[in-house]
Amino acid sequence: MIELDWWKNVIAADIYATLKQREHEIPQFHCQSLKLWSRRHLVDWLSVIVEQLHIDPMAQHLSVYLLDYFLDKMDVEHCHLYLLAMTCLRLAIKFEESCDKVPRQATLNAFIPKTCTSALHGYTPDEFLSMELTVLKFHKWQLAVPTSAHFLPYFLTIAADEGDLHNGVPIISKQIMCQYIEKHAKYFMEISLQDHTFRDYMPSLVASACIAAARICLLLTPTWPKHMMLLSDYYLEELLPCLQLMLSTHRMDKVNQVAQTSQVVPFTSSIPCTPCLPYQGAFIDYTNHRNSVVLAGAPALISHQLLR
């Protein structure tokens, strides 16, 4: 487990440098899974579980990492996709949080959509154990992987500055602006989980792009201050491809929101909207960002053959 609240440590800069070295050991993501079509649904479904069980974002991001790289090399049959996702989440929680935070198997089984054939009785303890060992062996028991969720809190420590301008005017409160940057950055972190394309970028770069995207949406200038460049060791030009992808997804979210609100049946979400505080006009509306999740299950077996 990466040190808890490491960004508050007096040697945070050294820890950051070490994490950046370790992220270069992350293998290449080939995007060759036969179940890539199901990825967005599984990630959204895990997000619902994470939200309702109050699971730490670091465990959430680690679970998606374990899921992505397993599916990138292994072929998993439909009826075991939920089992795999829940197993990755349990392993991530065991690694990132305390043992008392690990959800019971019955609790996770209750989240399986009723349309899935496994929802009737749920997965058995033996099935959970077998899948857990399979995932651990696949990852060679190495779970100490830095994700963008590990880097973001470090960047948030100086994400706002007294010299920042909001729409050309000095900010009223650095503290309030920091709260808004954090809220927006976490929104973009959620976006980075839902699209496998972000696997093309280093986790520290994704986290940096989340800060830059948040500052753009809040109409803050400069977009990427010098102190952020020095802290992250990234120039704005290096962030642009990832940043543009985030903002493009945000624009699509807004279009989808307009389309959904025009329907007869309103869409409800448990994600809170932006509260009414200063700078309100520049903020993202989070409503409807997370889609409902339904996966049809089918009786089949898991294949432990590496994909060619």
Protein backbone atom coordinates (compact mmCIF):
# COMPACT_ATOMS: atom_id res chain seq x y z
CA MET A 1 0.00 0.00 0.00
CA ILE A 2 1.29 3.45 -0.90
CA GLU A 3 1.75 5.57 2.21
CA LEU A 4 -1.51 7.06 3.45
CA ASP A 5 -1.78 10.81 2.74
CA TRP A 6 1.76 10.81 1.41
CA TRP A 7 1.27 14.26 -0.14
CA LYS A 8 1.23 15.73 3.39
CA ASN A 9 4.63 14.25 4.22
CA VAL A 10 7.68 16.50 4.49
CA ILE A 11 9.35 14.34 1.85
CA ALA A 12 6.34 14.46 -0.49
CA ALA A 13 8.51 15.66 -3.39
CA ASP A 14 10.76 12.61 -3.04
CA ILE A 15 7.76 10.28 -2.81
CA TYR A 16 6.32 11.87 -5.95
CA ALA A 17 9.58 11.32 -7.81
CA THR A 18 9.57 7.67 -6.73
CA LEU A 19 5.97 7.18 -7.85
CA LYS A 20 6.80 8.72 -11.23
CA GLN A 21 9.62 6.22 -11.62
CA ARG A 22 7.33 3.34 -10.71
CA GLU A 23 4.64 4.35 -13.20
CA HIS A 24 7.13 3.75 -16.00
CA GLU A 25 7.02 0.07 -15.02
CA ILE A 26 3.32 -0.13 -15.93
CA PRO A 27 2.99 -2.42 -18.97
CA GLN A 28 1.60 -1.20 -22.26
CA PHE A 29 -2.16 -1.45 -22.63
CA HIS A 30 -2.89 -3.10 -25.97
CA CYS A 31 -6.65 -2.54 -26.06
CA GLN A 32 -7.19 -6.04 -27.46
CA SER A 33 -9.80 -7.43 -25.08
CA LEU A 34 -12.64 -9.37 -26.66
CA LYS A 35 -14.85 -7.90 -23.94
CA LEU A 36 -13.90 -4.28 -24.52
CA TRP A 37 -17.54 -3.57 -25.33
CA SER A 38 -18.42 -4.37 -21.70
CA ARG A 39 -15.72 -2.24 -20.09
CA ARG A 40 -17.68 1.01 -19.77
CA HIS A 41 -20.61 -0.82 -18.21
CA LEU A 42 -18.39 -2.60 -15.68
CA VAL A 43 -16.54 0.60 -14.73
CA ASP A 44 -19.82 2.50 -14.28
CA TRP A 45 -21.19 -0.39 -12.23
CA LEU A 46 -18.11 -0.37 -10.00
CA SER A 47 -18.50 3.40 -9.58
CA VAL A 48 -22.00 2.85 -8.20
CA ILE A 49 -20.67 0.32 -5.68
CA VAL A 50 -17.79 2.61 -4.73
CA GLU A 51 -20.17 5.51 -4.15
CA GLN A 52 -22.68 3.55 -2.08
CA LEU A 53 -20.06 1.76 0.04
CA HIS A 54 -17.90 4.89 0.46
CA ILE A 55 -14.80 3.27 -0.96
CA ASP A 56 -11.63 5.33 -1.41
CA PRO A 57 -10.92 6.57 -4.97
CA MET A 58 -7.45 5.04 -4.85
CA ALA A 59 -8.97 1.59 -4.37
CA GLN A 60 -11.45 2.33 -7.15
CA HIS A 61 -8.73 3.30 -9.62
CA LEU A 62 -6.58 0.33 -8.66
CA SER A 63 -9.53 -2.01 -9.19
CA VAL A 64 -10.09 -0.66 -12.71
CA TYR A 65 -6.37 -1.06 -13.42
CA LEU A 66 -6.51 -4.71 -12.33
CA LEU A 67 -9.63 -5.22 -14.43
CA ASP A 68 -8.26 -3.53 -17.55
CA TYR A 69 -4.99 -5.40 -17.74
CA PHE A 70 -6.58 -8.75 -16.91
CA LEU A 71 -9.14 -8.36 -19.68
CA ASP A 72 -6.45 -7.13 -22.05
CA LYS A 73 -4.76 -10.54 -21.94
CA MET A 74 -7.42 -12.98 -20.74
CA ASP A 75 -10.75 -14.00 -22.22
CA VAL A 76 -13.52 -13.97 -19.61
CA GLU A 77 -16.95 -15.33 -20.38
CA HIS A 78 -20.05 -13.19 -19.87
CA CYS A 79 -21.29 -14.84 -16.69
CA HIS A 80 -17.97 -14.17 -14.94
CA LEU A 81 -17.55 -10.49 -15.83
CA TYR A 82 -19.27 -9.27 -12.68
CA LEU A 83 -17.32 -11.76 -10.59
CA LEU A 84 -14.07 -10.48 -12.08
CA ALA A 85 -15.00 -6.83 -11.47
CA MET A 86 -16.02 -7.51 -7.85
CA THR A 87 -12.85 -9.51 -7.25
CA CYS A 88 -10.66 -6.69 -8.58
CA LEU A 89 -12.49 -4.27 -6.29
CA ARG A 90 -12.07 -6.51 -3.23
CA LEU A 91 -8.36 -6.94 -3.93
CA ALA A 92 -7.89 -3.20 -4.38
CA ILE A 93 -9.70 -2.45 -1.12
CA LYS A 94 -7.63 -5.04 0.74
CA PHE A 95 -4.48 -3.40 -0.59
CA GLU A 96 -5.41 0.28 -0.28
CA GLU A 97 -7.67 0.31 2.78
CA SER A 98 -8.16 -1.45 6.11
CA CYS A 99 -9.57 -4.98 6.28
CA ASP A 100 -12.83 -3.81 7.86
CA LYS A 101 -13.58 -1.86 4.67
CA VAL A 102 -13.61 -4.98 2.49
CA PRO A 103 -17.26 -5.59 1.54
CA ARG A 104 -18.77 -8.99 2.22
CA GLN A 105 -19.37 -11.21 -0.76
CA ALA A 106 -23.12 -11.16 -0.08
CA THR A 107 -23.05 -7.36 -0.14
CA LEU A 108 -21.40 -7.33 -3.56
CA ASN A 109 -23.70 -10.05 -4.88
CA ALA A 110 -26.64 -7.78 -4.09
CA PHE A 111 -25.35 -5.27 -6.66
CA ILE A 112 -25.53 -7.75 -9.55
CA PRO A 113 -28.26 -6.56 -11.97
CA LYS A 114 -31.38 -8.71 -11.93
CA THR A 115 -31.02 -9.25 -15.68
CA CYS A 116 -27.87 -11.28 -15.06
CA THR A 117 -28.32 -15.03 -14.60
CA SER A 118 -25.89 -14.95 -11.66
CA ALA A 119 -28.12 -12.52 -9.76
CA LEU A 120 -30.48 -15.27 -8.60
CA HIS A 121 -28.07 -16.95 -6.20
CA GLY A 122 -24.94 -14.81 -6.55
CA TYR A 123 -21.39 -16.06 -6.75
CA THR A 124 -20.19 -18.58 -4.17
CA PRO A 125 -17.23 -18.09 -1.78
CA ASP A 126 -15.30 -20.70 -3.75
CA GLU A 127 -15.87 -18.77 -6.97
CA PHE A 128 -14.65 -15.55 -5.33
CA LEU A 129 -11.55 -17.31 -3.99
CA SER A 130 -10.76 -18.97 -7.30
CA MET A 131 -11.10 -15.70 -9.21
CA GLU A 132 -9.04 -13.83 -6.61
CA LEU A 133 -6.16 -16.29 -6.95
CA THR A 134 -6.42 -16.11 -10.74
CA VAL A 135 -6.19 -12.31 -10.74
CA LEU A 136 -3.32 -12.28 -8.24
CA LYS A 137 -1.34 -14.84 -10.22
CA PHE A 138 -1.94 -12.92 -13.43
CA HIS A 139 -0.57 -9.73 -11.86
CA LYS A 140 2.26 -11.71 -10.22
CA TRP A 141 0.98 -10.58 -6.81
CA GLN A 142 2.13 -7.03 -7.57
CA LEU A 143 -0.61 -4.59 -6.56
CA ALA A 144 1.56 -1.59 -5.66
CA VAL A 145 0.69 0.32 -8.82
CA PRO A 146 0.48 4.14 -8.84
CA THR A 147 -2.72 5.43 -10.43
CA SER A 148 -3.88 8.94 -11.24
CA ALA A 149 -5.86 8.88 -7.98
CA HIS A 150 -2.56 8.63 -6.09
CA PHE A 151 -1.17 11.72 -7.81
CA LEU A 152 -4.20 14.03 -7.78
CA PRO A 153 -4.16 14.93 -4.04
CA TYR A 154 -0.53 16.03 -4.37
CA PHE A 155 -1.39 18.41 -7.18
CA LEU A 156 -4.46 19.71 -5.36
CA THR A 157 -2.26 21.04 -2.55
CA ILE A 158 -1.33 24.04 -4.73
CA ALA A 159 -4.00 23.87 -7.45
CA ALA A 160 -5.15 27.43 -6.67
CA ASP A 161 -3.08 30.51 -5.96
CA GLU A 162 -3.81 34.03 -4.74
CA GLY A 163 -2.54 35.35 -8.06
CA ASP A 164 -5.10 33.40 -10.09
CA LEU A 165 -7.61 35.34 -12.17
CA HIS A 166 -11.21 34.22 -12.61
CA ASN A 167 -12.51 35.53 -15.91
CA GLY A 168 -9.86 38.23 -15.71
CA VAL A 169 -10.68 39.24 -12.13
CA PRO A 170 -8.65 38.26 -9.02
CA ILE A 171 -10.24 35.35 -7.16
CA ILE A 172 -12.20 36.19 -4.01
CA SER A 173 -11.07 33.24 -1.92
CA LYS A 174 -8.25 30.79 -2.52
CA GLN A 175 -9.89 28.30 -0.16
CA ILE A 176 -13.22 28.32 -2.01
CA MET A 177 -11.48 28.09 -5.36
CA CYS A 178 -9.49 25.08 -4.15
CA GLN A 179 -12.77 23.36 -3.27
CA TYR A 180 -14.12 23.96 -6.75
CA ILE A 181 -10.94 22.81 -8.45
CA GLU A 182 -11.03 19.62 -6.40
CA LYS A 183 -14.67 18.98 -7.31
CA HIS A 184 -14.05 19.51 -11.01
CA ALA A 185 -10.79 17.55 -11.02
CA LYS A 186 -12.56 14.55 -9.48
CA TYR A 187 -15.19 14.80 -12.19
CA PHE A 188 -12.47 14.57 -14.83
CA MET A 189 -10.88 11.70 -12.92
CA GLU A 190 -14.19 9.86 -13.31
CA ILE A 191 -14.04 10.55 -17.05
CA SER A 192 -10.53 9.13 -17.23
CA LEU A 193 -11.76 5.88 -15.69
CA GLN A 194 -14.59 5.43 -18.13
CA ASP A 195 -12.58 5.69 -21.34
CA HIS A 196 -9.81 3.14 -21.91
CA THR A 197 -8.04 5.64 -24.20
CA PHE A 198 -6.59 7.31 -21.11
CA ARG A 199 -4.45 4.20 -20.60
CA ASP A 200 -2.22 5.69 -23.30
CA TYR A 201 -1.03 8.31 -20.80
CA MET A 202 0.98 8.09 -17.61
CA PRO A 203 -1.18 8.32 -14.46
CA SER A 204 0.68 11.43 -13.27
CA LEU A 205 -0.02 13.12 -16.60
CA VAL A 206 -3.72 12.21 -16.39
CA ALA A 207 -3.90 13.70 -12.90
CA SER A 208 -2.16 16.87 -14.12
CA ALA A 209 -4.60 17.14 -17.02
CA CYS A 210 -7.49 16.86 -14.54
CA ILE A 211 -6.21 19.96 -12.75
CA ALA A 212 -5.72 21.86 -16.01
CA ALA A 213 -9.19 20.87 -17.26
CA ALA A 214 -10.72 22.01 -13.98
CA ARG A 215 -8.98 25.38 -14.23
CA ILE A 216 -10.19 25.81 -17.81
CA CYS A 217 -13.80 25.08 -16.87
CA LEU A 218 -13.52 27.53 -13.98
CA LEU A 219 -12.18 30.22 -16.34
CA LEU A 220 -8.98 30.50 -14.32
CA THR A 221 -5.85 32.01 -15.80
CA PRO A 222 -3.15 31.08 -16.30
CA THR A 223 -4.38 27.63 -17.30
CA TRP A 224 -1.19 25.93 -16.12
CA PRO A 225 0.71 28.18 -13.69
CA LYS A 226 4.45 27.92 -13.30
CA HIS A 227 4.15 26.46 -9.80
CA MET A 228 2.02 23.61 -11.19
CA MET A 229 4.53 23.01 -13.95
CA LEU A 230 7.35 22.82 -11.42
CA LEU A 231 5.42 20.56 -9.05
CA SER A 232 4.22 18.11 -11.71
CA ASP A 233 7.24 18.33 -14.01
CA TYR A 234 4.89 18.67 -16.99
CA TYR A 235 4.63 21.49 -19.51
CA LEU A 236 1.16 22.43 -20.73
CA GLU A 237 2.08 21.22 -24.21
CA GLU A 238 2.64 17.72 -22.82
CA LEU A 239 -0.85 17.72 -21.30
CA LEU A 240 -2.70 18.90 -24.40
CA PRO A 241 -3.65 15.54 -26.03
CA CYS A 242 -5.01 14.15 -22.76
CA LEU A 243 -6.55 17.50 -21.83
CA GLN A 244 -8.35 17.82 -25.16
CA LEU A 245 -9.77 14.31 -24.76
CA MET A 246 -11.14 15.22 -21.33
CA LEU A 247 -12.75 18.42 -22.53
CA SER A 248 -14.21 16.67 -25.57
CA THR A 249 -15.83 14.08 -23.31
CA HIS A 250 -17.16 16.88 -21.11
CA ARG A 251 -18.80 18.51 -24.13
CA MET A 252 -20.41 15.19 -25.05
CA ASP A 253 -21.72 14.93 -21.49
CA LYS A 254 -23.42 18.30 -21.86
CA VAL A 255 -25.01 17.25 -25.15
CA ASN A 256 -26.25 13.99 -23.61
CA GLN A 257 -27.63 15.89 -20.64
CA VAL A 258 -29.69 18.15 -22.90
CA ALA A 259 -30.98 15.11 -24.80
CA GLN A 260 -31.93 13.29 -21.59
CA THR A 261 -33.71 16.27 -20.03
CA SER A 262 -35.87 16.55 -23.15
CA GLN A 263 -37.26 13.05 -22.61
CA VAL A 264 -40.58 12.43 -20.89
CA VAL A 265 -39.08 10.29 -18.12
CA PRO A 266 -36.49 12.27 -16.16
CA PHE A 267 -33.11 10.71 -15.38
CA THR A 268 -32.09 10.70 -11.73
CA SER A 269 -28.57 10.53 -10.40
CA SER A 270 -26.98 10.25 -6.98
CA ILE A 271 -24.10 12.48 -8.05
CA PRO A 272 -24.51 15.91 -6.45
CA CYS A 273 -24.81 18.99 -8.60
CA THR A 274 -22.50 21.94 -8.06
CA PRO A 275 -23.58 23.88 -4.95
CA CYS A 276 -24.48 27.54 -5.13
CA LEU A 277 -21.27 29.36 -4.24
CA PRO A 278 -19.29 32.13 -5.96
CA TYR A 279 -18.10 31.45 -9.53
CA GLN A 280 -21.24 29.37 -10.16
CA GLY A 281 -21.58 30.29 -13.81
CA ALA A 282 -18.39 28.57 -14.88
CA PHE A 283 -19.05 25.16 -13.36
CA ILE A 284 -19.83 21.74 -14.71
CA ASP A 285 -23.20 20.15 -14.10
CA TYR A 286 -22.42 16.61 -12.93
CA THR A 287 -25.99 15.36 -13.25
CA ASN A 288 -26.44 12.47 -15.69
CA HIS A 289 -22.71 11.90 -16.14
CA ARG A 290 -22.88 8.31 -14.90
CA ASN A 291 -25.12 6.05 -16.94
CA SER A 292 -27.20 3.23 -15.54
CA VAL A 293 -25.57 -0.15 -15.90
CA VAL A 294 -27.13 -3.33 -17.27
CA LEU A 295 -25.17 -6.32 -18.52
CA ALA A 296 -26.86 -9.41 -19.82
CA GLY A 297 -25.32 -12.55 -18.38
CA ALA A 298 -24.96 -15.81 -20.24
CA PRO A 299 -23.95 -19.21 -18.88
CA ALA A 300 -20.37 -19.92 -19.94
CA LEU A 301 -16.92 -20.62 -18.57
CA ILE A 302 -13.82 -18.52 -17.99
CA SER A 303 -10.93 -19.18 -20.31
CA HIS A 304 -7.45 -18.71 -18.89
CA GLN A 305 -5.84 -18.70 -22.31
CA LEU A 306 -3.71 -15.69 -23.16
CA LEU A 307 -5.01 -13.77 -26.14
CA ARG A 308 -2.77 -13.86 -29.13
